[in-house]
Amino acid sequence: MDEDYKEFLKILYDSYKENPKYQVDNKYLKEKLDIKLEEIHFIANYLEGEMYIKTEPYLDGFEVNITHHGIKLVEKWLDK
C-alpha cells in the first residue's frame, strides 16, 4: 500500500485512539498529509471501497471515521 494511504489511515487511527467519537474532516487531512484535495478524495474513495474507512458528507467536503478493519490493519503495521 502506498505511503500516502498508510499515512491517511495512521492519522485516522491516532485520532480514534485519542477520541473514538471524533471525526476527521478533509481539511484536517489536507493539512496533515500536505497533498492535493483531489488526491485525498481519491484515497478516501479507495479506502472506503476496501471498508477501512467510512465517509460522510460535511459542508463543503466530508468527515471520515476509521472502521474496525482499518484499525486492525494499522495495528498490524504497528506490530511489525
N, C-alpha and C. Protein backbone atom coordinates (compact mmCIF):
# COMPACT_ATOMS: atom_id res chain seq x y z
N MET A 1 0.85 -1.18 0.00
CA MET A 1 0.00 0.00 0.00
C MET A 1 0.89 1.24 0.00
N ASP A 2 0.53 2.21 -0.81
CA ASP A 2 1.28 3.46 -0.95
C ASP A 2 1.39 4.18 0.40
N GLU A 3 2.48 4.89 0.58
CA GLU A 3 2.73 5.59 1.85
C GLU A 3 1.66 6.62 2.19
N ASP A 4 1.11 7.32 1.17
CA ASP A 4 0.04 8.29 1.44
C ASP A 4 -1.19 7.60 2.02
N TYR A 5 -1.50 6.42 1.53
CA TYR A 5 -2.64 5.66 2.03
C TYR A 5 -2.39 5.24 3.48
N LYS A 6 -1.20 4.77 3.74
CA LYS A 6 -0.84 4.36 5.10
C LYS A 6 -0.89 5.54 6.06
N GLU A 7 -0.35 6.67 5.64
CA GLU A 7 -0.35 7.86 6.49
C GLU A 7 -1.78 8.34 6.75
N PHE A 8 -2.62 8.28 5.73
CA PHE A 8 -4.04 8.63 5.86
C PHE A 8 -4.68 7.80 6.96
N LEU A 9 -4.50 6.49 6.90
CA LEU A 9 -5.07 5.59 7.91
C LEU A 9 -4.45 5.82 9.28
N LYS A 10 -3.16 6.09 9.32
CA LYS A 10 -2.47 6.32 10.60
C LYS A 10 -3.02 7.58 11.29
N ILE A 11 -3.29 8.62 10.53
CA ILE A 11 -3.87 9.84 11.09
C ILE A 11 -5.24 9.53 11.70
N LEU A 12 -6.05 8.77 10.98
CA LEU A 12 -7.36 8.40 11.50
C LEU A 12 -7.25 7.50 12.73
N TYR A 13 -6.30 6.60 12.70
CA TYR A 13 -6.08 5.69 13.83
C TYR A 13 -5.68 6.50 15.08
N ASP A 14 -4.75 7.41 14.93
CA ASP A 14 -4.31 8.23 16.06
C ASP A 14 -5.47 9.06 16.61
N SER A 15 -6.28 9.61 15.72
CA SER A 15 -7.44 10.39 16.14
C SER A 15 -8.43 9.51 16.89
N TYR A 16 -8.65 8.31 16.39
CA TYR A 16 -9.56 7.36 17.04
C TYR A 16 -9.07 7.01 18.45
N LYS A 17 -7.76 6.80 18.58
CA LYS A 17 -7.21 6.45 19.89
C LYS A 17 -7.38 7.58 20.89
N GLU A 18 -7.30 8.81 20.42
CA GLU A 18 -7.48 9.98 21.30
C GLU A 18 -8.94 10.17 21.68
N ASN A 19 -9.84 9.99 20.71
CA ASN A 19 -11.27 10.19 20.95
C ASN A 19 -12.06 9.37 19.92
N PRO A 20 -12.56 8.20 20.30
CA PRO A 20 -13.25 7.32 19.36
C PRO A 20 -14.46 7.94 18.65
N LYS A 21 -15.05 8.97 19.22
CA LYS A 21 -16.23 9.58 18.61
C LYS A 21 -15.89 10.75 17.68
N TYR A 22 -14.63 11.16 17.65
CA TYR A 22 -14.23 12.31 16.84
C TYR A 22 -14.11 11.91 15.38
N GLN A 23 -14.62 12.76 14.50
CA GLN A 23 -14.48 12.55 13.07
C GLN A 23 -13.48 13.55 12.50
N VAL A 24 -12.62 13.08 11.65
CA VAL A 24 -11.63 13.92 10.99
C VAL A 24 -12.25 14.42 9.69
N ASP A 25 -12.02 15.69 9.35
CA ASP A 25 -12.55 16.18 8.07
C ASP A 25 -11.45 16.28 7.03
N ASN A 26 -11.87 16.48 5.78
CA ASN A 26 -10.93 16.50 4.67
C ASN A 26 -9.91 17.64 4.78
N LYS A 27 -10.28 18.76 5.38
CA LYS A 27 -9.34 19.88 5.52
C LYS A 27 -8.21 19.52 6.50
N TYR A 28 -8.55 18.84 7.57
CA TYR A 28 -7.54 18.39 8.54
C TYR A 28 -6.58 17.40 7.86
N LEU A 29 -7.12 16.49 7.08
CA LEU A 29 -6.28 15.53 6.36
C LEU A 29 -5.35 16.24 5.38
N LYS A 30 -5.85 17.26 4.70
CA LYS A 30 -5.02 18.01 3.74
C LYS A 30 -3.85 18.67 4.46
N GLU A 31 -4.10 19.23 5.64
CA GLU A 31 -3.03 19.85 6.42
C GLU A 31 -1.98 18.83 6.84
N LYS A 32 -2.43 17.70 7.31
CA LYS A 32 -1.53 16.67 7.83
C LYS A 32 -0.75 15.96 6.72
N LEU A 33 -1.41 15.70 5.59
CA LEU A 33 -0.77 14.95 4.52
C LEU A 33 -0.01 15.82 3.54
N ASP A 34 -0.37 17.09 3.45
CA ASP A 34 0.27 18.03 2.53
C ASP A 34 0.22 17.51 1.09
N ILE A 35 -0.98 17.07 0.69
CA ILE A 35 -1.22 16.66 -0.70
C ILE A 35 -2.49 17.36 -1.18
N LYS A 36 -2.73 17.32 -2.48
CA LYS A 36 -3.88 17.99 -3.07
C LYS A 36 -5.18 17.38 -2.58
N LEU A 37 -6.20 18.21 -2.49
CA LEU A 37 -7.51 17.76 -2.05
C LEU A 37 -8.07 16.66 -2.95
N GLU A 38 -7.80 16.75 -4.25
CA GLU A 38 -8.27 15.73 -5.18
C GLU A 38 -7.67 14.36 -4.84
N GLU A 39 -6.41 14.36 -4.44
CA GLU A 39 -5.73 13.12 -4.06
C GLU A 39 -6.34 12.56 -2.76
N ILE A 40 -6.69 13.43 -1.85
CA ILE A 40 -7.34 12.99 -0.61
C ILE A 40 -8.67 12.33 -0.92
N HIS A 41 -9.43 12.91 -1.84
CA HIS A 41 -10.71 12.31 -2.24
C HIS A 41 -10.48 10.95 -2.89
N PHE A 42 -9.48 10.84 -3.73
CA PHE A 42 -9.16 9.57 -4.40
C PHE A 42 -8.79 8.50 -3.36
N ILE A 43 -7.93 8.86 -2.42
CA ILE A 43 -7.52 7.92 -1.37
C ILE A 43 -8.72 7.51 -0.53
N ALA A 44 -9.54 8.49 -0.14
CA ALA A 44 -10.72 8.20 0.68
C ALA A 44 -11.68 7.26 -0.05
N ASN A 45 -11.90 7.48 -1.34
CA ASN A 45 -12.78 6.60 -2.11
C ASN A 45 -12.25 5.17 -2.13
N TYR A 46 -10.95 5.03 -2.34
CA TYR A 46 -10.36 3.70 -2.36
C TYR A 46 -10.48 3.02 -0.99
N LEU A 47 -10.08 3.73 0.06
CA LEU A 47 -10.11 3.14 1.40
C LEU A 47 -11.53 2.82 1.86
N GLU A 48 -12.50 3.63 1.44
CA GLU A 48 -13.89 3.32 1.79
C GLU A 48 -14.35 2.08 1.02
N GLY A 49 -13.95 1.95 -0.22
CA GLY A 49 -14.28 0.76 -1.00
C GLY A 49 -13.70 -0.51 -0.39
N GLU A 50 -12.55 -0.39 0.24
CA GLU A 50 -11.91 -1.52 0.90
C GLU A 50 -12.44 -1.72 2.33
N MET A 51 -13.37 -0.85 2.74
CA MET A 51 -14.01 -0.90 4.06
C MET A 51 -13.07 -0.59 5.22
N TYR A 52 -12.03 0.22 4.96
CA TYR A 52 -11.11 0.66 6.01
C TYR A 52 -11.59 1.95 6.68
N ILE A 53 -12.43 2.71 5.97
CA ILE A 53 -12.96 3.97 6.50
C ILE A 53 -14.43 4.09 6.12
N LYS A 54 -15.08 5.04 6.76
CA LYS A 54 -16.46 5.40 6.44
C LYS A 54 -16.50 6.92 6.32
N THR A 55 -16.96 7.42 5.17
CA THR A 55 -17.04 8.87 4.98
C THR A 55 -18.49 9.33 5.02
N GLU A 56 -18.66 10.59 5.41
CA GLU A 56 -19.98 11.24 5.43
C GLU A 56 -19.82 12.65 4.88
N PRO A 57 -20.72 13.07 4.00
CA PRO A 57 -20.66 14.45 3.50
C PRO A 57 -20.75 15.43 4.66
N TYR A 58 -19.99 16.53 4.55
CA TYR A 58 -19.99 17.55 5.59
C TYR A 58 -19.63 18.89 4.97
N LEU A 59 -20.54 19.85 5.06
CA LEU A 59 -20.36 21.19 4.50
C LEU A 59 -19.81 21.11 3.08
N ASP A 60 -18.60 21.59 2.85
CA ASP A 60 -18.03 21.59 1.51
C ASP A 60 -17.04 20.44 1.30
N GLY A 61 -17.15 19.40 2.10
CA GLY A 61 -16.23 18.27 1.99
C GLY A 61 -16.83 17.03 2.61
N PHE A 62 -16.03 16.38 3.45
CA PHE A 62 -16.51 15.17 4.11
C PHE A 62 -15.81 14.98 5.44
N GLU A 63 -16.45 14.19 6.29
CA GLU A 63 -15.83 13.73 7.53
C GLU A 63 -15.60 12.24 7.38
N VAL A 64 -14.64 11.74 8.12
CA VAL A 64 -14.26 10.34 7.95
C VAL A 64 -13.94 9.70 9.29
N ASN A 65 -14.34 8.46 9.42
CA ASN A 65 -14.00 7.63 10.59
C ASN A 65 -13.30 6.38 10.11
N ILE A 66 -12.40 5.88 10.91
CA ILE A 66 -11.75 4.62 10.63
C ILE A 66 -12.67 3.49 11.10
N THR A 67 -12.75 2.42 10.33
CA THR A 67 -13.57 1.27 10.71
C THR A 67 -12.73 0.26 11.49
N HIS A 68 -13.38 -0.78 11.99
CA HIS A 68 -12.61 -1.79 12.71
C HIS A 68 -11.62 -2.50 11.79
N HIS A 69 -11.95 -2.60 10.49
CA HIS A 69 -11.00 -3.19 9.52
C HIS A 69 -9.75 -2.32 9.39
N GLY A 70 -9.96 -1.01 9.35
CA GLY A 70 -8.84 -0.07 9.27
C GLY A 70 -8.00 -0.09 10.53
N ILE A 71 -8.65 -0.18 11.68
CA ILE A 71 -7.92 -0.24 12.96
C ILE A 71 -7.04 -1.49 13.00
N LYS A 72 -7.60 -2.62 12.61
CA LYS A 72 -6.82 -3.87 12.62
C LYS A 72 -5.64 -3.80 11.66
N LEU A 73 -5.84 -3.17 10.50
CA LEU A 73 -4.75 -3.05 9.53
C LEU A 73 -3.62 -2.19 10.09
N VAL A 74 -3.94 -1.05 10.67
CA VAL A 74 -2.91 -0.17 11.23
C VAL A 74 -2.20 -0.87 12.39
N GLU A 75 -2.94 -1.54 13.24
CA GLU A 75 -2.31 -2.26 14.36
C GLU A 75 -1.39 -3.38 13.86
N LYS A 76 -1.73 -3.98 12.75
CA LYS A 76 -0.86 -4.99 12.13
C LYS A 76 0.46 -4.34 11.71
N TRP A 77 0.38 -3.13 11.11
CA TRP A 77 1.60 -2.42 10.72
C TRP A 77 2.44 -2.06 11.94
N LEU A 78 1.77 -1.64 12.99
CA LEU A 78 2.49 -1.20 14.20
C LEU A 78 3.16 -2.36 14.93
N ASP A 79 2.64 -3.57 14.76
CA ASP A 79 3.22 -4.75 15.41
C ASP A 79 4.51 -5.21 14.75
N LYS A 80 4.75 -4.75 13.52
CA LYS A 80 5.96 -5.19 12.79
C LYS A 80 7.18 -4.50 13.30
